[in-house]
PDB file of all heavy atoms in Angstrom:
ATOM      1  N   ALA A   1       5.388   5.548  11.190  1.00  0.00           N
ATOM      2  CA  ALA A   1       3.927   5.700  11.059  1.00  0.00           C
ATOM      3  C   ALA A   1       3.189   4.649  11.872  1.00  0.00           C
ATOM      4  O   ALA A   1       2.094   4.906  12.399  1.00  0.00           O
ATOM      5  CB  ALA A   1       3.523   5.601   9.593  1.00  0.00           C
ATOM      6  N   GLY A   2       3.784   3.454  12.016  1.00  0.00           N
ATOM      7  CA  GLY A   2       3.123   2.400  12.761  1.00  0.00           C
ATOM      8  C   GLY A   2       3.508   2.361  14.229  1.00  0.00           C
ATOM      9  O   GLY A   2       2.690   2.010  15.077  1.00  0.00           O
ATOM     10  N   GLY A   3       4.781   2.692  14.530  1.00  0.00           N
ATOM     11  CA  GLY A   3       5.256   2.583  15.907  1.00  0.00           C
ATOM     12  C   GLY A   3       4.936   3.768  16.774  1.00  0.00           C
ATOM     13  O   GLY A   3       4.539   3.624  17.930  1.00  0.00           O
ATOM     14  N   ALA A   4       5.120   4.961  16.223  1.00  0.00           N
ATOM     15  CA  ALA A   4       4.873   6.181  16.987  1.00  0.00           C
ATOM     16  C   ALA A   4       4.431   7.286  16.035  1.00  0.00           C
ATOM     17  O   ALA A   4       5.199   8.200  15.700  1.00  0.00           O
ATOM     18  CB  ALA A   4       6.144   6.615  17.736  1.00  0.00           C
ATOM     19  N   PRO A   5       3.175   7.217  15.560  1.00  0.00           N
ATOM     20  CA  PRO A   5       2.721   8.158  14.539  1.00  0.00           C
ATOM     21  C   PRO A   5       2.773   9.626  14.940  1.00  0.00           C
ATOM     22  O   PRO A   5       3.136  10.480  14.136  1.00  0.00           O
ATOM     23  CB  PRO A   5       1.278   7.718  14.256  1.00  0.00           C
ATOM     24  CG  PRO A   5       0.885   6.892  15.436  1.00  0.00           C
ATOM     25  CD  PRO A   5       2.129   6.258  15.929  1.00  0.00           C
ATOM     26  N   ASP A   6       2.431   9.927  16.188  1.00  0.00           N
ATOM     27  CA  ASP A   6       2.443  11.324  16.630  1.00  0.00           C
ATOM     28  C   ASP A   6       3.873  11.866  16.676  1.00  0.00           C
ATOM     29  O   ASP A   6       4.130  12.997  16.226  1.00  0.00           O
ATOM     30  CB  ASP A   6       1.808  11.432  18.023  1.00  0.00           C
ATOM     31  CG  ASP A   6       0.316  11.141  17.995  1.00  0.00           C
ATOM     32  OD1 ASP A   6      -0.296  11.340  16.945  1.00  0.00           O
ATOM     33  OD2 ASP A   6      -0.212  10.678  19.027  1.00  0.00           O
ATOM     34  N   ALA A   7       4.797  11.074  17.210  1.00  0.00           N
ATOM     35  CA  ALA A   7       6.194  11.497  17.237  1.00  0.00           C
ATOM     36  C   ALA A   7       6.747  11.643  15.826  1.00  0.00           C
ATOM     37  O   ALA A   7       7.486  12.590  15.525  1.00  0.00           O
ATOM     38  CB  ALA A   7       7.024  10.500  18.035  1.00  0.00           C
ATOM     39  N   ALA A   8       6.393  10.705  14.954  1.00  0.00           N
ATOM     40  CA  ALA A   8       6.860  10.766  13.568  1.00  0.00           C
ATOM     41  C   ALA A   8       6.330  12.009  12.871  1.00  0.00           C
ATOM     42  O   ALA A   8       7.051  12.696  12.136  1.00  0.00           O
ATOM     43  CB  ALA A   8       6.430   9.508  12.818  1.00  0.00           C
ATOM     44  N   ARG A   9       5.061  12.320  13.137  1.00  0.00           N
ATOM     45  CA  ARG A   9       4.457  13.514  12.527  1.00  0.00           C
ATOM     46  C   ARG A   9       5.135  14.790  13.019  1.00  0.00           C
ATOM     47  O   ARG A   9       5.373  15.726  12.238  1.00  0.00           O
ATOM     48  CB  ARG A   9       2.956  13.532  12.858  1.00  0.00           C
ATOM     49  CG  ARG A   9       2.151  14.491  12.014  1.00  0.00           C
ATOM     50  CD  ARG A   9       0.668  14.374  12.326  1.00  0.00           C
ATOM     51  NE  ARG A   9       0.135  13.088  11.878  1.00  0.00           N
ATOM     52  CZ  ARG A   9      -0.249  12.116  12.680  1.00  0.00           C
ATOM     53  NH1 ARG A   9      -0.131  12.246  13.993  1.00  0.00           N
ATOM     54  NH2 ARG A   9      -0.739  10.996  12.183  1.00  0.00           N
ATOM     55  N   ASN A  10       5.500  14.812  14.279  1.00  0.00           N
ATOM     56  CA  ASN A  10       6.192  15.976  14.826  1.00  0.00           C
ATOM     57  C   ASN A  10       7.587  16.157  14.238  1.00  0.00           C
ATOM     58  O   ASN A  10       8.122  17.257  14.221  1.00  0.00           O
ATOM     59  CB  ASN A  10       6.295  15.853  16.353  1.00  0.00           C
ATOM     60  CG  ASN A  10       4.947  15.976  17.034  1.00  0.00           C
ATOM     61  OD1 ASN A  10       4.020  16.587  16.493  1.00  0.00           O
ATOM     62  ND2 ASN A  10       4.819  15.381  18.212  1.00  0.00           N
ATOM     63  N   LEU A  11       8.175  15.048  13.763  1.00  0.00           N
ATOM     64  CA  LEU A  11       9.501  15.113  13.154  1.00  0.00           C
ATOM     65  C   LEU A  11       9.436  15.380  11.662  1.00  0.00           C
ATOM     66  O   LEU A  11      10.460  15.368  10.976  1.00  0.00           O
ATOM     67  CB  LEU A  11      10.244  13.787  13.396  1.00  0.00           C
ATOM     68  CG  LEU A  11      10.674  13.515  14.844  1.00  0.00           C
ATOM     69  CD1 LEU A  11      11.252  12.107  14.967  1.00  0.00           C
ATOM     70  CD2 LEU A  11      11.697  14.553  15.302  1.00  0.00           C
ATOM     71  N   GLY A  12       8.242  15.621  11.144  1.00  0.00           N
ATOM     72  CA  GLY A  12       8.095  15.959   9.739  1.00  0.00           C
ATOM     73  C   GLY A  12       7.775  14.808   8.823  1.00  0.00           C
ATOM     74  O   GLY A  12       7.781  14.963   7.596  1.00  0.00           O
ATOM     75  N   VAL A  13       7.493  13.634   9.372  1.00  0.00           N
ATOM     76  CA  VAL A  13       7.152  12.481   8.538  1.00  0.00           C
ATOM     77  C   VAL A  13       5.730  12.639   8.005  1.00  0.00           C
ATOM     78  O   VAL A  13       4.792  12.856   8.784  1.00  0.00           O
ATOM     79  CB  VAL A  13       7.256  11.160   9.341  1.00  0.00           C
ATOM     80  CG1 VAL A  13       6.783   9.979   8.509  1.00  0.00           C
ATOM     81  CG2 VAL A  13       8.688  10.950   9.804  1.00  0.00           C
ATOM     82  N   PRO A  14       5.530  12.527   6.683  1.00  0.00           N
ATOM     83  CA  PRO A  14       4.179  12.663   6.121  1.00  0.00           C
ATOM     84  C   PRO A  14       3.392  11.374   6.327  1.00  0.00           C
ATOM     85  O   PRO A  14       3.180  10.582   5.398  1.00  0.00           O
ATOM     86  CB  PRO A  14       4.451  12.921   4.632  1.00  0.00           C
ATOM     87  CG  PRO A  14       5.761  12.233   4.371  1.00  0.00           C
ATOM     88  CD  PRO A  14       6.557  12.363   5.644  1.00  0.00           C
ATOM     89  N   VAL A  15       2.931  11.163   7.539  1.00  0.00           N
ATOM     90  CA  VAL A  15       2.294   9.897   7.923  1.00  0.00           C
ATOM     91  C   VAL A  15       1.099   9.590   7.035  1.00  0.00           C
ATOM     92  O   VAL A  15       0.899   8.457   6.583  1.00  0.00           O
ATOM     93  CB  VAL A  15       1.876   9.937   9.402  1.00  0.00           C
ATOM     94  CG1 VAL A  15       1.061   8.699   9.759  1.00  0.00           C
ATOM     95  CG2 VAL A  15       3.097  10.058  10.291  1.00  0.00           C
ATOM     96  N   ARG A  16       0.269  10.598   6.768  1.00  0.00           N
ATOM     97  CA  ARG A  16      -0.933  10.350   5.944  1.00  0.00           C
ATOM     98  C   ARG A  16      -0.574   9.894   4.548  1.00  0.00           C
ATOM     99  O   ARG A  16      -1.160   8.928   4.014  1.00  0.00           O
ATOM    100  CB  ARG A  16      -1.766  11.630   5.886  1.00  0.00           C
ATOM    101  CG  ARG A  16      -2.450  11.992   7.196  1.00  0.00           C
ATOM    102  CD  ARG A  16      -3.405  13.157   7.008  1.00  0.00           C
ATOM    103  NE  ARG A  16      -4.182  13.429   8.199  1.00  0.00           N
ATOM    104  CZ  ARG A  16      -5.157  14.317   8.262  1.00  0.00           C
ATOM    105  NH1 ARG A  16      -5.457  15.042   7.174  1.00  0.00           N
ATOM    106  NH2 ARG A  16      -5.815  14.509   9.389  1.00  0.00           N
ATOM    107  N   ARG A  17       0.391  10.565   3.932  1.00  0.00           N
ATOM    108  CA  ARG A  17       0.785  10.187   2.566  1.00  0.00           C
ATOM    109  C   ARG A  17       1.425   8.812   2.530  1.00  0.00           C
ATOM    110  O   ARG A  17       1.226   8.063   1.568  1.00  0.00           O
ATOM    111  CB  ARG A  17       1.737  11.234   1.987  1.00  0.00           C
ATOM    112  CG  ARG A  17       1.044  12.490   1.491  1.00  0.00           C
ATOM    113  CD  ARG A  17       2.020  13.432   0.835  1.00  0.00           C
ATOM    114  NE  ARG A  17       2.883  14.074   1.823  1.00  0.00           N
ATOM    115  CZ  ARG A  17       3.963  14.791   1.511  1.00  0.00           C
ATOM    116  NH1 ARG A  17       4.339  14.910   0.238  1.00  0.00           N
ATOM    117  NH2 ARG A  17       4.678  15.357   2.446  1.00  0.00           N
ATOM    118  N   VAL A  18       2.178   8.476   3.558  1.00  0.00           N
ATOM    119  CA  VAL A  18       2.789   7.148   3.629  1.00  0.00           C
ATOM    120  C   VAL A  18       1.705   6.081   3.664  1.00  0.00           C
ATOM    121  O   VAL A  18       1.774   5.076   2.933  1.00  0.00           O
ATOM    122  CB  VAL A  18       3.694   7.035   4.879  1.00  0.00           C
ATOM    123  CG1 VAL A  18       4.096   5.580   5.121  1.00  0.00           C
ATOM    124  CG2 VAL A  18       4.945   7.880   4.719  1.00  0.00           C
ATOM    125  N   LYS A  19       0.694   6.266   4.491  1.00  0.00           N
ATOM    126  CA  LYS A  19      -0.350   5.265   4.613  1.00  0.00           C
ATOM    127  C   LYS A  19      -1.181   5.159   3.340  1.00  0.00           C
ATOM    128  O   LYS A  19      -1.534   4.048   2.919  1.00  0.00           O
ATOM    129  CB  LYS A  19      -1.238   5.594   5.812  1.00  0.00           C
ATOM    130  CG  LYS A  19      -0.522   5.427   7.149  1.00  0.00           C
ATOM    131  CD  LYS A  19      -1.453   5.561   8.342  1.00  0.00           C
ATOM    132  CE  LYS A  19      -0.708   5.292   9.641  1.00  0.00           C
ATOM    133  NZ  LYS A  19      -1.599   5.301  10.821  1.00  0.00           N
ATOM    134  N   ILE A  20      -1.482   6.278   2.717  1.00  0.00           N
ATOM    135  CA  ILE A  20      -2.237   6.233   1.456  1.00  0.00           C
ATOM    136  C   ILE A  20      -1.435   5.479   0.390  1.00  0.00           C
ATOM    137  O   ILE A  20      -1.982   4.653  -0.350  1.00  0.00           O
ATOM    138  CB  ILE A  20      -2.581   7.653   0.974  1.00  0.00           C
ATOM    139  CG1 ILE A  20      -3.630   8.293   1.902  1.00  0.00           C
ATOM    140  CG2 ILE A  20      -3.113   7.631  -0.464  1.00  0.00           C
ATOM    141  CD1 ILE A  20      -3.926   9.738   1.586  1.00  0.00           C
ATOM    142  N   ALA A  21      -0.133   5.750   0.301  1.00  0.00           N
ATOM    143  CA  ALA A  21       0.717   5.061  -0.662  1.00  0.00           C
ATOM    144  C   ALA A  21       0.736   3.558  -0.433  1.00  0.00           C
ATOM    145  O   ALA A  21       0.704   2.754  -1.372  1.00  0.00           O
ATOM    146  CB  ALA A  21       2.128   5.631  -0.607  1.00  0.00           C
ATOM    147  N   LEU A  22       0.742   3.150   0.833  1.00  0.00           N
ATOM    148  CA  LEU A  22       0.782   1.730   1.148  1.00  0.00           C
ATOM    149  C   LEU A  22      -0.558   1.054   0.832  1.00  0.00           C
ATOM    150  O   LEU A  22      -0.586  -0.103   0.385  1.00  0.00           O
ATOM    151  CB  LEU A  22       1.138   1.528   2.614  1.00  0.00           C
ATOM    152  CG  LEU A  22       2.581   1.921   2.982  1.00  0.00           C
ATOM    153  CD1 LEU A  22       2.799   1.797   4.478  1.00  0.00           C
ATOM    154  CD2 LEU A  22       3.582   1.054   2.230  1.00  0.00           C
ATOM    155  N   PHE A  23      -1.670   1.752   1.059  1.00  0.00           N
ATOM    156  CA  PHE A  23      -2.975   1.199   0.662  1.00  0.00           C
ATOM    157  C   PHE A  23      -3.018   1.011  -0.858  1.00  0.00           C
ATOM    158  O   PHE A  23      -3.539   0.000  -1.350  1.00  0.00           O
ATOM    159  CB  PHE A  23      -4.103   2.132   1.094  1.00  0.00           C
ATOM    160  CG  PHE A  23      -4.584   1.910   2.502  1.00  0.00           C
ATOM    161  CD1 PHE A  23      -4.314   2.819   3.513  1.00  0.00           C
ATOM    162  CD2 PHE A  23      -5.328   0.774   2.819  1.00  0.00           C
ATOM    163  CE1 PHE A  23      -4.753   2.621   4.810  1.00  0.00           C
ATOM    164  CE2 PHE A  23      -5.776   0.561   4.109  1.00  0.00           C
ATOM    165  CZ  PHE A  23      -5.494   1.475   5.116  1.00  0.00           C
ATOM    166  N   MET A  24      -2.478   1.956  -1.587  1.00  0.00           N
ATOM    167  CA  MET A  24      -2.450   1.821  -3.047  1.00  0.00           C
ATOM    168  C   MET A  24      -1.557   0.651  -3.471  1.00  0.00           C
ATOM    169  O   MET A  24      -1.869  -0.061  -4.428  1.00  0.00           O
ATOM    170  CB  MET A  24      -1.936   3.131  -3.662  1.00  0.00           C
ATOM    171  CG  MET A  24      -2.873   4.313  -3.471  1.00  0.00           C
ATOM    172  SD  MET A  24      -2.191   5.896  -4.030  1.00  0.00           S
ATOM    173  CE  MET A  24      -2.226   5.649  -5.816  1.00  0.00           C
ATOM    174  N   MET A  25      -0.479   0.434  -2.739  1.00  0.00           N
ATOM    175  CA  MET A  25       0.433  -0.672  -3.058  1.00  0.00           C
ATOM    176  C   MET A  25      -0.243  -2.014  -2.842  1.00  0.00           C
ATOM    177  O   MET A  25      -0.087  -2.943  -3.652  1.00  0.00           O
ATOM    178  CB  MET A  25       1.690  -0.578  -2.199  1.00  0.00           C
ATOM    179  CG  MET A  25       2.780  -1.594  -2.557  1.00  0.00           C
ATOM    180  SD  MET A  25       4.183  -1.499  -1.429  1.00  0.00           S
ATOM    181  CE  MET A  25       4.660   0.219  -1.624  1.00  0.00           C
ATOM    182  N   THR A  26      -1.007  -2.165  -1.746  1.00  0.00           N
ATOM    183  CA  THR A  26      -1.673  -3.441  -1.515  1.00  0.00           C
ATOM    184  C   THR A  26      -2.699  -3.734  -2.599  1.00  0.00           C
ATOM    185  O   THR A  26      -2.822  -4.862  -3.084  1.00  0.00           O
ATOM    186  CB  THR A  26      -2.359  -3.463  -0.133  1.00  0.00           C
ATOM    187  OG1 THR A  26      -3.293  -2.385  -0.035  1.00  0.00           O
ATOM    188  CG2 THR A  26      -1.350  -3.347   0.983  1.00  0.00           C
ATOM    189  N   SER A  27      -3.442  -2.714  -3.004  1.00  0.00           N
ATOM    190  CA  SER A  27      -4.424  -2.907  -4.078  1.00  0.00           C
ATOM    191  C   SER A  27      -3.755  -3.253  -5.398  1.00  0.00           C
ATOM    192  O   SER A  27      -4.244  -4.098  -6.175  1.00  0.00           O
ATOM    193  CB  SER A  27      -5.294  -1.652  -4.236  1.00  0.00           C
ATOM    194  OG  SER A  27      -6.168  -1.476  -3.148  1.00  0.00           O
ATOM    195  N   LEU A  28      -2.622  -2.616  -5.675  1.00  0.00           N
ATOM    196  CA  LEU A  28      -1.899  -2.895  -6.922  1.00  0.00           C
ATOM    197  C   LEU A  28      -1.377  -4.323  -6.933  1.00  0.00           C
ATOM    198  O   LEU A  28      -1.419  -5.001  -7.958  1.00  0.00           O
ATOM    199  CB  LEU A  28      -0.753  -1.894  -7.083  1.00  0.00           C
ATOM    200  CG  LEU A  28       0.036  -1.998  -8.411  1.00  0.00           C
ATOM    201  CD1 LEU A  28      -0.884  -1.727  -9.591  1.00  0.00           C
ATOM    202  CD2 LEU A  28       1.188  -1.002  -8.407  1.00  0.00           C
ATOM    203  N   CYS A  29      -0.876  -4.796  -5.800  1.00  0.00           N
ATOM    204  CA  CYS A  29      -0.393  -6.184  -5.725  1.00  0.00           C
ATOM    205  C   CYS A  29      -1.545  -7.163  -5.894  1.00  0.00           C
ATOM    206  O   CYS A  29      -1.381  -8.235  -6.508  1.00  0.00           O
ATOM    207  CB  CYS A  29       0.337  -6.427  -4.406  1.00  0.00           C
ATOM    208  SG  CYS A  29       2.002  -5.721  -4.337  1.00  0.00           S
ATOM    209  N   ALA A  30      -2.718  -6.825  -5.370  1.00  0.00           N
ATOM    210  CA  ALA A  30      -3.893  -7.662  -5.589  1.00  0.00           C
ATOM    211  C   ALA A  30      -4.237  -7.736  -7.073  1.00  0.00           C
ATOM    212  O   ALA A  30      -4.590  -8.794  -7.585  1.00  0.00           O
ATOM    213  CB  ALA A  30      -5.085  -7.113  -4.785  1.00  0.00           C
ATOM    214  N   CYS A  31      -4.116  -6.617  -7.767  1.00  0.00           N
ATOM    215  CA  CYS A  31      -4.354  -6.594  -9.200  1.00  0.00           C
ATOM    216  C   CYS A  31      -3.339  -7.447  -9.939  1.00  0.00           C
ATOM    217  O   CYS A  31      -3.673  -8.140 -10.909  1.00  0.00           O
ATOM    218  CB  CYS A  31      -4.314  -5.150  -9.708  1.00  0.00           C
ATOM    219  SG  CYS A  31      -4.596  -4.986 -11.481  1.00  0.00           S
ATOM    220  N   LEU A  32      -2.095  -7.438  -9.479  1.00  0.00           N
ATOM    221  CA  LEU A  32      -1.068  -8.259 -10.105  1.00  0.00           C
ATOM    222  C   LEU A  32      -1.397  -9.741  -9.955  1.00  0.00           C
ATOM    223  O   LEU A  32      -1.254 -10.528 -10.908  1.00  0.00           O
ATOM    224  CB  LEU A  32       0.284  -7.953  -9.474  1.00  0.00           C
ATOM    225  CG  LEU A  32       1.501  -8.711 -10.032  1.00  0.00           C
ATOM    226  CD1 LEU A  32       1.675  -8.445 -11.519  1.00  0.00           C
ATOM    227  CD2 LEU A  32       2.771  -8.320  -9.263  1.00  0.00           C
ATOM    228  N   ILE A  33      -1.861 -10.145  -8.767  1.00  0.00           N
ATOM    229  CA  ILE A  33      -2.270 -11.536  -8.545  1.00  0.00           C
ATOM    230  C   ILE A  33      -3.429 -11.885  -9.479  1.00  0.00           C
ATOM    231  O   ILE A  33      -3.474 -12.966 -10.068  1.00  0.00           O
ATOM    232  CB  ILE A  33      -2.683 -11.768  -7.079  1.00  0.00           C
ATOM    233  CG1 ILE A  33      -1.538 -11.428  -6.137  1.00  0.00           C
ATOM    234  CG2 ILE A  33      -3.126 -13.213  -6.887  1.00  0.00           C
ATOM    235  CD1 ILE A  33      -0.242 -12.124  -6.437  1.00  0.00           C
ATOM    236  N   ALA A  34      -4.384 -10.973  -9.622  1.00  0.00           N
ATOM    237  CA  ALA A  34      -5.525 -11.196 -10.511  1.00  0.00           C
ATOM    238  C   ALA A  34      -5.052 -11.388 -11.954  1.00  0.00           C
ATOM    239  O   ALA A  34      -5.595 -12.226 -12.683  1.00  0.00           O
ATOM    240  CB  ALA A  34      -6.487 -10.010 -10.432  1.00  0.00           C
ATOM    241  N   THR A  35      -4.051 -10.628 -12.348  1.00  0.00           N
ATOM    242  CA  THR A  35      -3.512 -10.759 -13.722  1.00  0.00           C
ATOM    243  C   THR A  35      -2.863 -12.123 -13.914  1.00  0.00           C
ATOM    244  O   THR A  35      -3.073 -12.775 -14.947  1.00  0.00           O
ATOM    245  CB  THR A  35      -2.504  -9.638 -13.981  1.00  0.00           C
ATOM    246  OG1 THR A  35      -3.115  -8.379 -13.762  1.00  0.00           O
ATOM    247  CG2 THR A  35      -1.994  -9.705 -15.428  1.00  0.00           C
ATOM    248  N   PHE A  36      -2.062 -12.566 -12.936  1.00  0.00           N
ATOM    249  CA  PHE A  36      -1.481 -13.913 -13.027  1.00  0.00           C
ATOM    250  C   PHE A  36      -2.566 -14.954 -13.246  1.00  0.00           C
ATOM    251  O   PHE A  36      -2.460 -15.812 -14.125  1.00  0.00           O
ATOM    252  CB  PHE A  36      -0.730 -14.250 -11.731  1.00  0.00           C
ATOM    253  CG  PHE A  36       0.601 -13.578 -11.595  1.00  0.00           C
ATOM    254  CD1 PHE A  36       0.933 -12.909 -10.427  1.00  0.00           C
ATOM    255  CD2 PHE A  36       1.550 -13.604 -12.612  1.00  0.00           C
ATOM    256  CE1 PHE A  36       2.163 -12.287 -10.274  1.00  0.00           C
ATOM    257  CE2 PHE A  36       2.771 -12.994 -12.478  1.00  0.00           C
ATOM    258  CZ  PHE A  36       3.088 -12.332 -11.299  1.00  0.00           C
ATOM    259  N   GLN A  37      -3.602 -14.885 -12.423  1.00  0.00           N
ATOM    260  CA  GLN A  37      -4.646 -15.899 -12.469  1.00  0.00           C
ATOM    261  C   GLN A  37      -5.487 -15.825 -13.733  1.00  0.00           C
ATOM    262  O   GLN A  37      -5.811 -16.854 -14.344  1.00  0.00           O
ATOM    263  CB  GLN A  37      -5.525 -15.773 -11.228  1.00  0.00           C
ATOM    264  CG  GLN A  37      -4.791 -16.058  -9.929  1.00  0.00           C
ATOM    265  CD  GLN A  37      -5.672 -15.939  -8.692  1.00  0.00           C
ATOM    266  OE1 GLN A  37      -6.828 -15.512  -8.800  1.00  0.00           O
ATOM    267  NE2 GLN A  37      -5.149 -16.298  -7.534  1.00  0.00           N
ATOM    268  N   ALA A  38      -5.823 -14.613 -14.153  1.00  0.00           N
ATOM    269  CA  ALA A  38      -6.653 -14.453 -15.340  1.00  0.00           C
ATOM    270  C   ALA A  38      -5.924 -14.947 -16.597  1.00  0.00           C
ATOM    271  O   ALA A  38      -6.517 -15.620 -17.448  1.00  0.00           O
ATOM    272  CB  ALA A  38      -7.066 -12.986 -15.512  1.00  0.00           C
ATOM    273  N   VAL A  39      -4.638 -14.617 -16.712  1.00  0.00           N
ATOM    274  CA  VAL A  39      -3.867 -15.048 -17.875  1.00  0.00           C
ATOM    275  C   VAL A  39      -3.631 -16.548 -17.833  1.00  0.00           C
ATOM    276  O   VAL A  39      -3.728 -17.242 -18.861  1.00  0.00           O
ATOM    277  CB  VAL A  39      -2.521 -14.295 -17.941  1.00  0.00           C
ATOM    278  CG1 VAL A  39      -1.657 -14.821 -19.082  1.00  0.00           C
ATOM    279  CG2 VAL A  39      -2.774 -12.787 -18.144  1.00  0.00           C
ATOM    280  N   LYS A  40      -3.357 -17.083 -16.651  1.00  0.00           N
ATOM    281  CA  LYS A  40      -3.088 -18.525 -16.520  1.00  0.00           C
ATOM    282  C   LYS A  40      -4.326 -19.357 -16.818  1.00  0.00           C
ATOM    283  O   LYS A  40      -4.242 -20.368 -17.516  1.00  0.00           O
ATOM    284  CB  LYS A  40      -2.556 -18.821 -15.117  1.00  0.00           C
ATOM    285  CG  LYS A  40      -2.275 -20.290 -14.872  1.00  0.00           C
ATOM    286  CD  LYS A  40      -1.498 -20.494 -13.583  1.00  0.00           C
ATOM    287  CE  LYS A  40      -2.254 -19.995 -12.372  1.00  0.00           C
ATOM    288  NZ  LYS A  40      -1.544 -20.254 -11.086  1.00  0.00           N
ATOM    289  N   PHE A  41      -5.493 -18.921 -16.292  1.00  0.00           N
ATOM    290  CA  PHE A  41      -6.722 -19.696 -16.473  1.00  0.00           C
ATOM    291  C   PHE A  41      -7.583 -19.166 -17.624  1.00  0.00           C
ATOM    292  O   PHE A  41      -8.694 -19.650 -17.821  1.00  0.00           O
ATOM    293  CB  PHE A  41      -7.531 -19.675 -15.171  1.00  0.00           C
ATOM    294  CG  PHE A  41      -6.827 -20.295 -14.006  1.00  0.00           C
ATOM    295  CD1 PHE A  41      -6.506 -19.538 -12.881  1.00  0.00           C
ATOM    296  CD2 PHE A  41      -6.443 -21.624 -14.016  1.00  0.00           C
ATOM    297  CE1 PHE A  41      -5.852 -20.096 -11.806  1.00  0.00           C
ATOM    298  CE2 PHE A  41      -5.784 -22.193 -12.941  1.00  0.00           C
ATOM    299  CZ  PHE A  41      -5.469 -21.431 -11.830  1.00  0.00           C
ATOM    300  N   THR A  42      -7.091 -18.180 -18.348  1.00  0.00           N
ATOM    301  CA  THR A  42      -7.740 -17.567 -19.517  1.00  0.00           C
ATOM    302  C   THR A  42      -9.150 -17.071 -19.186  1.00  0.00           C
ATOM    303  O   THR A  42     -10.075 -17.188 -20.017  1.00  0.00           O
ATOM    304  CB  THR A  42      -7.797 -18.524 -20.718  1.00  0.00           C
ATOM    305  OG1 THR A  42      -8.680 -19.620 -20.402  1.00  0.00           O
ATOM    306  CG2 THR A  42      -6.430 -19.051 -21.058  1.00  0.00           C
ATOM    307  N   GLY A  43      -9.330 -16.536 -17.992  1.00  0.00           N
ATOM    308  CA  GLY A  43     -10.622 -15.998 -17.632  1.00  0.00           C
ATOM    309  C   GLY A  43     -10.664 -15.590 -16.174  1.00  0.00           C
ATOM    310  O   GLY A  43      -9.652 -15.613 -15.469  1.00  0.00           O
TER     311      GLY A  43
END
């Protein structure tokens, strides 16, 4: 998806779904960091 998206798409790689899943993963990890900090600092 990052190196050759058009070629990957032609080979059947669901490039759009891969990228959406990765955006969701980054946001989820940000939420995890927020949880660490909120619980540690109680606010």
